[in-house]
Protein backbone atom coordinates (compact mmCIF):
# COMPACT_ATOMS: atom_id res chain seq x y z
CA MET A 1 -17.23 24.28 -15.35
CA THR A 2 -18.83 24.30 -18.77
CA ASP A 3 -20.82 27.16 -20.24
CA GLU A 4 -23.54 24.61 -20.94
CA LEU A 5 -23.92 23.85 -17.22
CA ARG A 6 -24.05 27.54 -16.30
CA GLU A 7 -26.70 28.10 -18.95
CA ARG A 8 -28.77 25.19 -17.63
CA LEU A 9 -28.54 26.60 -14.12
CA ARG A 10 -29.53 30.10 -15.19
CA ARG A 11 -32.54 28.73 -17.03
CA THR A 12 -33.71 26.58 -14.09
CA ARG A 13 -37.45 26.67 -13.65
CA ARG A 14 -37.68 27.24 -9.92
CA VAL A 15 -40.17 24.84 -8.37
CA HIS A 16 -41.98 25.68 -5.15
CA THR A 17 -44.45 23.57 -3.21
CA PRO A 18 -46.71 24.23 -0.23
CA TRP A 19 -43.89 22.74 1.89
CA SER A 20 -40.97 24.71 0.40
CA VAL A 21 -40.10 26.26 3.77
CA ASP A 22 -40.27 22.94 5.67
CA GLY A 23 -36.83 21.33 5.95
CA THR A 24 -38.38 18.04 7.08
CA ARG A 25 -39.88 17.71 3.57
CA GLY A 26 -36.53 17.96 1.79
CA VAL A 27 -34.21 20.79 0.89
CA THR A 28 -36.04 24.11 1.29
CA GLY A 29 -36.71 26.35 -1.67
CA SER A 30 -34.65 29.23 -0.29
CA ARG A 31 -31.67 26.97 0.44
CA LEU A 32 -31.72 25.43 -3.01
CA ASP A 33 -32.20 28.83 -4.71
CA ALA A 34 -29.14 30.21 -2.93
CA LEU A 35 -27.00 27.23 -3.91
CA LEU A 36 -28.15 27.28 -7.54
CA ASP A 37 -27.46 31.01 -7.80
CA HIS A 38 -23.94 30.49 -6.42
CA TRP A 39 -23.36 27.46 -8.68
CA ALA A 40 -24.32 29.51 -11.75
CA ASN A 41 -22.65 32.79 -10.90
CA GLY A 42 -19.97 32.41 -8.24
CA TYR A 43 -18.72 28.84 -7.99
CA ASP A 44 -15.58 27.87 -9.92
CA TRP A 45 -15.04 24.14 -10.50
CA ALA A 46 -11.58 24.58 -12.08
CA PRO A 47 -9.44 24.84 -8.89
CA HIS A 48 -11.25 21.90 -7.33
CA GLU A 49 -10.79 19.86 -10.50
CA ARG A 50 -7.05 20.63 -10.50
CA ARG A 51 -6.76 19.63 -6.83
CA ILE A 52 -8.59 16.36 -7.42
CA ASP A 53 -6.58 15.59 -10.55
CA ALA A 54 -3.36 16.15 -8.58
CA LEU A 55 -4.13 13.28 -6.21
CA PRO A 56 -1.96 10.18 -6.79
CA TRP A 57 -4.35 8.36 -9.12
CA VAL A 58 -3.61 4.98 -10.69
CA THR A 59 -5.76 2.63 -12.75
CA VAL A 60 -5.65 -1.14 -12.28
CA ARG A 61 -7.29 -3.65 -14.63
CA THR A 62 -8.91 -6.65 -12.97
CA GLY A 63 -10.36 -9.07 -15.50
CA ASP A 64 -12.62 -7.05 -17.79
CA THR A 65 -12.94 -4.17 -15.31
CA GLU A 66 -10.77 -1.14 -14.59
CA LEU A 67 -10.57 0.23 -11.07
CA ARG A 68 -9.35 3.80 -10.64
CA LEU A 69 -7.98 4.58 -7.22
CA ILE A 70 -5.89 6.96 -5.18
CA HIS A 71 -2.65 5.26 -4.12
CA GLN A 72 -0.83 7.38 -1.53
CA ARG A 73 2.40 5.60 -0.73
CA SER A 74 4.35 6.04 2.49
CA ALA A 75 8.08 6.79 2.40
CA ASP A 76 8.46 3.59 4.44
CA PRO A 77 8.05 0.56 2.13
CA GLY A 78 7.08 -1.59 5.11
CA ALA A 79 4.35 0.72 6.41
CA PRO A 80 0.88 -0.71 7.11
CA VAL A 81 -1.70 -0.55 4.35
CA VAL A 82 -5.17 0.92 4.85
CA VAL A 83 -8.00 0.77 2.31
CA LEU A 84 -10.66 3.50 2.54
CA LEU A 85 -14.08 2.75 1.01
CA HIS A 86 -16.59 5.54 0.45
CA GLY A 87 -20.35 5.34 0.15
CA TRP A 88 -23.34 7.19 -1.35
CA PRO A 89 -24.01 10.02 -2.09
CA ASP A 90 -20.34 10.88 -2.03
CA SER A 91 -17.08 9.72 -3.60
CA VAL A 92 -13.38 9.50 -2.79
CA LEU A 93 -13.76 13.15 -1.71
CA ARG A 94 -15.14 11.78 1.58
CA PHE A 95 -11.51 11.00 2.51
CA GLU A 96 -9.78 14.10 1.12
CA ARG A 97 -9.20 15.63 4.57
CA LEU A 98 -8.01 12.29 5.94
CA LEU A 99 -5.17 11.72 3.46
CA PRO A 100 -2.74 14.28 4.99
CA LEU A 101 -3.21 12.63 8.39
CA LEU A 102 -2.12 9.20 7.11
CA MET A 103 1.09 10.08 5.26
CA ASP A 104 3.04 7.44 7.20
CA LEU A 105 0.78 4.67 5.83
CA HIS A 106 0.17 3.22 2.39
CA VAL A 107 -3.37 4.43 1.65
CA VAL A 108 -5.62 3.08 -1.11
CA VAL A 109 -8.89 4.86 -1.89
CA PRO A 110 -10.83 3.21 -4.73
CA ALA A 111 -13.36 5.21 -6.72
CA LEU A 112 -16.02 2.52 -6.42
CA PRO A 113 -17.42 1.38 -9.78
CA GLY A 114 -20.32 3.54 -10.91
CA PHE A 115 -19.31 6.50 -8.73
CA PRO A 116 -17.56 9.78 -9.61
CA PHE A 117 -14.02 9.48 -11.00
CA ALA A 118 -14.42 5.75 -11.78
CA PRO A 119 -14.35 4.40 -15.36
CA ALA A 120 -17.78 4.45 -16.99
CA LEU A 121 -20.10 1.64 -15.87
CA THR A 122 -22.06 0.30 -18.84
CA THR A 123 -23.23 -3.17 -17.85
CA PRO A 124 -25.42 -4.51 -15.02
CA GLY A 125 -24.25 -6.78 -12.23
CA MET A 126 -22.04 -4.38 -10.27
CA SER A 127 -23.10 -5.61 -6.84
CA ALA A 128 -21.26 -4.96 -3.59
CA ASN A 129 -20.01 -8.57 -3.80
CA ARG A 130 -18.50 -7.94 -7.22
CA ILE A 131 -16.95 -4.67 -6.08
CA ALA A 132 -15.30 -6.49 -3.16
CA ARG A 133 -13.76 -8.98 -5.60
CA ILE A 134 -12.52 -6.18 -7.86
CA VAL A 135 -10.95 -4.31 -4.94
CA ALA A 136 -9.26 -7.50 -3.67
CA ASP A 137 -7.81 -8.21 -7.11
CA ALA A 138 -6.57 -4.63 -7.49
CA LEU A 139 -4.85 -4.69 -4.09
CA GLU A 140 -3.11 -7.92 -5.05
CA GLN A 141 -1.86 -6.33 -8.27
CA LEU A 142 -0.58 -3.35 -6.29
CA GLY A 143 1.45 -5.74 -4.14
CA HIS A 144 -0.56 -5.34 -0.94
CA ALA A 145 -0.94 -8.75 0.69
CA ARG A 146 -2.30 -7.59 4.08
CA TYR A 147 -4.32 -4.51 4.91
CA THR A 148 -6.83 -2.83 7.20
CA VAL A 149 -10.11 -1.82 5.58
CA SER A 150 -12.12 1.22 6.69
CA GLY A 151 -15.48 2.34 5.41
CA GLY A 152 -19.10 3.22 5.90
CA ASP A 153 -22.38 3.15 4.00
CA VAL A 154 -21.89 1.18 0.74
CA GLY A 155 -18.17 1.11 1.52
CA GLY A 156 -18.87 -0.53 4.86
CA THR A 157 -20.81 -3.32 3.18
CA VAL A 158 -17.97 -3.83 0.69
CA ALA A 159 -15.51 -3.85 3.60
CA GLU A 160 -17.44 -6.63 5.37
CA LEU A 161 -17.59 -8.68 2.18
CA LEU A 162 -13.89 -8.17 1.53
CA ALA A 163 -13.02 -9.31 5.06
CA ALA A 164 -15.31 -12.35 4.85
CA ALA A 165 -13.84 -13.47 1.53
CA HIS A 166 -10.20 -12.81 2.45
CA PRO A 167 -9.60 -13.32 6.19
CA ASP A 168 -5.95 -14.01 5.38
CA ARG A 169 -5.55 -10.55 3.84
CA VAL A 170 -7.82 -8.25 5.85
CA THR A 171 -6.13 -7.85 9.22
CA ALA A 172 -8.79 -5.59 10.75
CA LEU A 173 -11.90 -3.60 9.96
CA HIS A 174 -12.81 -0.05 10.88
CA LEU A 175 -16.51 0.60 10.33
CA THR A 176 -18.97 3.41 11.01
CA ASN A 177 -22.06 1.26 10.52
CA VAL A 178 -23.22 -2.33 10.27
CA ALA A 179 -24.16 -3.42 6.75
CA PRO A 180 -27.91 -2.66 6.62
CA GLN A 181 -28.65 -5.99 4.95
CA HIS A 182 -28.04 -7.73 8.31
CA ALA A 183 -31.31 -6.27 9.58
CA PHE A 184 -33.27 -8.35 7.06
CA THR A 185 -32.00 -11.63 8.53
CA ALA A 186 -31.55 -10.69 12.18
CA ASP A 187 -33.41 -12.89 14.65
CA PRO A 188 -34.76 -10.65 17.45
CA ALA A 189 -34.87 -13.67 19.78
CA ARG A 190 -31.08 -13.86 19.61
CA LEU A 191 -30.45 -10.14 20.14
CA ALA A 192 -29.96 -8.13 23.31
CA PRO A 193 -32.89 -5.88 24.32
CA ASP A 194 -31.19 -2.66 23.17
CA ALA A 195 -30.34 -4.33 19.84
CA VAL A 196 -34.02 -5.22 19.36
CA ALA A 197 -34.93 -1.64 20.22
CA TYR A 198 -32.44 -0.50 17.60
CA LEU A 199 -34.17 -2.63 14.95
CA ASP A 200 -37.41 -0.83 15.79
CA ARG A 201 -35.68 2.58 15.50
CA ALA A 202 -34.09 1.58 12.21
CA ALA A 203 -37.45 0.43 10.85
CA ARG A 204 -38.96 3.81 11.75
CA TRP A 205 -36.05 5.56 10.05
CA PHE A 206 -36.56 3.55 6.85
CA ARG A 207 -40.27 4.37 6.84
CA ALA A 208 -39.62 8.08 7.33
CA GLU A 209 -36.38 8.57 5.38
CA GLY A 210 -35.90 5.56 3.11
CA GLY A 211 -37.91 6.62 0.10
CA TYR A 212 -34.71 7.32 -1.84
CA ILE A 213 -33.63 3.69 -1.30
CA ALA A 214 -36.91 2.36 -2.71
CA GLU A 215 -36.64 4.54 -5.82
CA GLN A 216 -32.91 3.96 -6.44
CA SER A 217 -33.25 0.21 -6.01
CA THR A 218 -36.42 -0.35 -8.04
CA ARG A 219 -36.60 2.43 -10.67
CA PRO A 220 -33.00 3.54 -11.33
CA ASN A 221 -33.65 4.29 -15.02
CA THR A 222 -36.45 6.73 -14.29
CA LEU A 223 -34.58 8.53 -11.55
CA ALA A 224 -31.33 8.68 -13.52
CA VAL A 225 -33.04 10.71 -16.25
CA ALA A 226 -34.64 13.12 -13.77
CA LEU A 227 -31.35 13.80 -11.98
CA GLY A 228 -28.87 13.34 -14.82
CA ASP A 229 -30.57 15.93 -17.05
CA SER A 230 -31.28 18.56 -14.39
CA PRO A 231 -28.49 20.10 -12.32
CA ALA A 232 -31.13 21.61 -10.05
CA GLY A 233 -32.71 18.20 -9.51
CA LEU A 234 -29.32 16.64 -8.87
CA ALA A 235 -28.42 19.31 -6.34
CA ALA A 236 -31.74 18.93 -4.53
CA TRP A 237 -31.38 15.14 -4.34
CA LEU A 238 -27.79 15.19 -3.07
CA VAL A 239 -27.70 18.30 -0.89
CA GLU A 240 -30.69 17.12 1.13
CA LYS A 241 -28.69 14.03 2.14
CA LEU A 242 -25.32 15.73 2.53
CA GLU A 243 -26.75 18.31 4.93
CA SER A 244 -29.30 16.24 6.84
CA TRP A 245 -26.93 13.33 7.41
CA SER A 246 -24.03 15.44 8.68
CA ASP A 247 -23.21 17.57 11.68
CA ALA A 248 -23.96 21.28 11.55
CA SER A 249 -21.69 23.34 9.28
CA ALA A 250 -19.98 20.26 7.86
CA PHE A 251 -19.86 21.81 4.37
CA THR A 252 -19.35 25.28 3.00
CA PRO A 253 -21.41 26.12 -0.11
CA ASP A 254 -18.34 25.55 -2.32
CA GLU A 255 -17.69 22.17 -0.71
CA LEU A 256 -21.29 21.08 -1.22
CA LEU A 257 -21.18 22.16 -4.83
CA THR A 258 -17.87 20.38 -5.42
CA TRP A 259 -19.37 17.09 -4.25
CA VAL A 260 -22.45 17.69 -6.44
CA THR A 261 -20.41 18.85 -9.44
CA ALA A 262 -18.34 15.67 -9.21
CA TYR A 263 -21.51 13.73 -10.03
CA TRP A 264 -22.55 16.14 -12.77
CA VAL A 265 -19.28 16.30 -14.72
CA THR A 266 -18.76 12.53 -14.53
CA GLY A 267 -22.40 11.72 -15.36
CA THR A 268 -22.51 9.07 -12.64
CA ILE A 269 -25.67 9.70 -10.64
CA GLY A 270 -27.51 6.86 -12.39
CA THR A 271 -24.67 4.36 -12.18
CA SER A 272 -24.13 5.19 -8.51
CA PHE A 273 -27.42 3.38 -7.87
CA ALA A 274 -25.90 0.02 -8.88
CA THR A 275 -25.26 -1.26 -5.36
CA TYR A 276 -28.86 -0.40 -4.42
CA THR A 277 -30.23 -2.23 -7.46
CA GLU A 278 -28.09 -5.38 -7.39
CA PRO A 279 -28.68 -8.00 -4.65
CA VAL A 280 -26.11 -8.58 -1.91
CA GLU A 281 -25.03 -11.90 -0.44
CA LEU A 282 -23.69 -11.21 3.04
CA PRO A 283 -22.37 -13.71 5.61
CA ALA A 284 -24.26 -13.82 8.89
CA ARG A 285 -21.17 -12.83 10.87
CA ILE A 286 -17.73 -11.39 10.10
CA GLY A 287 -14.92 -12.69 12.32
CA THR A 288 -12.32 -10.03 11.48
CA PRO A 289 -11.28 -7.88 14.48
CA THR A 290 -13.20 -4.62 14.21
CA VAL A 291 -13.06 -1.08 15.54
CA PHE A 292 -16.57 0.38 15.40
CA SER A 293 -16.92 4.17 15.38
CA VAL A 294 -20.19 5.87 16.31
CA PHE A 295 -20.83 9.47 15.32
CA PRO A 296 -23.95 11.03 16.86
CA HIS A 297 -25.34 12.74 13.75
CA ASP A 298 -25.12 9.67 11.53
CA THR A 299 -28.41 8.40 10.16
CA LYS A 300 -29.03 5.55 12.60
CA PRO A 301 -26.09 4.81 14.94
CA GLU A 302 -26.05 1.23 16.16
CA PRO A 303 -25.58 0.22 19.82
CA ARG A 304 -22.64 -2.00 20.64
CA SER A 305 -24.81 -5.07 21.23
CA TYR A 306 -26.22 -4.84 17.71
CA ALA A 307 -22.78 -4.41 16.12
CA GLU A 308 -21.48 -7.37 18.15
CA ALA A 309 -24.22 -9.61 16.77
CA PHE A 310 -22.58 -9.44 13.32
CA LEU A 311 -19.03 -8.24 13.89
CA ASN A 312 -16.03 -9.13 16.06
CA VAL A 313 -16.01 -5.77 17.84
CA ARG A 314 -12.75 -5.18 19.73
CA ALA A 315 -13.32 -1.46 20.30
CA TYR A 316 -16.54 0.55 20.26
CA VAL A 317 -15.75 4.27 20.12
CA GLU A 318 -18.43 6.90 20.65
CA HIS A 319 -17.58 10.38 19.42
CA PRO A 320 -19.14 13.67 20.56
CA ALA A 321 -19.52 15.15 17.08
CA GLY A 322 -19.75 14.12 13.44
CA GLY A 323 -22.19 12.36 11.17
CA HIS A 324 -22.47 10.13 8.14
CA PHE A 325 -19.42 11.62 6.41
CA ALA A 326 -17.23 11.35 9.49
CA ALA A 327 -13.89 11.13 7.66
CA TRP A 328 -14.68 14.55 6.18
CA GLU A 329 -16.38 16.04 9.23
CA GLN A 330 -14.03 14.75 11.97
CA PRO A 331 -10.84 13.64 10.18
CA ALA A 332 -8.61 13.59 13.29
CA ALA A 333 -11.05 11.40 15.24
CA TYR A 334 -11.53 9.15 12.21
CA ALA A 335 -7.77 8.81 11.71
CA ALA A 336 -7.31 7.84 15.36
CA ASP A 337 -9.84 5.04 14.97
CA VAL A 338 -8.17 3.83 11.76
CA ARG A 339 -4.94 3.57 13.76
CA ARG A 340 -6.76 1.66 16.50
CA ALA A 341 -7.79 -0.86 13.87
CA ILE A 342 -4.29 -1.13 12.45
CA ALA A 343 -3.01 -1.84 15.96
CA LEU A 344 -5.25 -4.92 16.18
CA ASP A 345 -2.94 -6.72 13.74
CA GLY A 346 -0.68 -8.85 15.90
């Protein structure tokens, strides 16, 4: 970690509000103060950087774009292929605990364009649709003709798009949520009663929790400056989500700071907003066989009837623990569901 970052942290102007002790209003002042103090005086990025660098990274050029990805090959050349797609506000680190559990498979984990560890994103137009095309092209160059795709959040949307565009290549999906864009076109008259009730719950969630989406999608330039120039601001923005969207004790302080530092050292917080800013064109329904995993502490878990309105759900698995970052929080359960999806092929 650079001396410049430590100096910024030590010179942080601590900001307190009348609601600084209220966790429902964002990260509390005492929680953020403790993390910033540890980031400045105790946390060491170097061993985490070495561990991340030691992953089996490769870079593939597709057209005018480079895609950097982890390519963990099985000793068996004929092993199934699984593609793991992360979301926001995380990175490929979402799947770090999962990789050792899938050593018998060929595993591909793209650093999605605009996110930490990806090549710098300098031009507009990086929509989820474009990312799906880039990932498909990269997999073809790597020699993977058929594969299972697993993901959630932004990665789940990309997974749906990838499956819709390439039904001959994507043998199965494993998802932890339905692409949120489906809610904008859903016809309540065609949904089951509990699916309609879910739409109401989701709407309440967006009203209460979705302010970050409005800002990231409409004013990315403004927000990028606020977060990209202030490590304290970046930590507040990301830690609030990492902790509130996950199960209790999902992250140690060092783990939280590693995920935040990944954004700081790569300078990608602004470009990570691309998939919020760019429009998405999503098919009404995806016919690919799907395993749908539900983790109780995720932001807005969907009932089976809602998932079935848009996806070909072959298995709906409810787990007793875990949240939005399930591959990190519950890697064994997540791996089991990935294998359920792989088994749908044939």
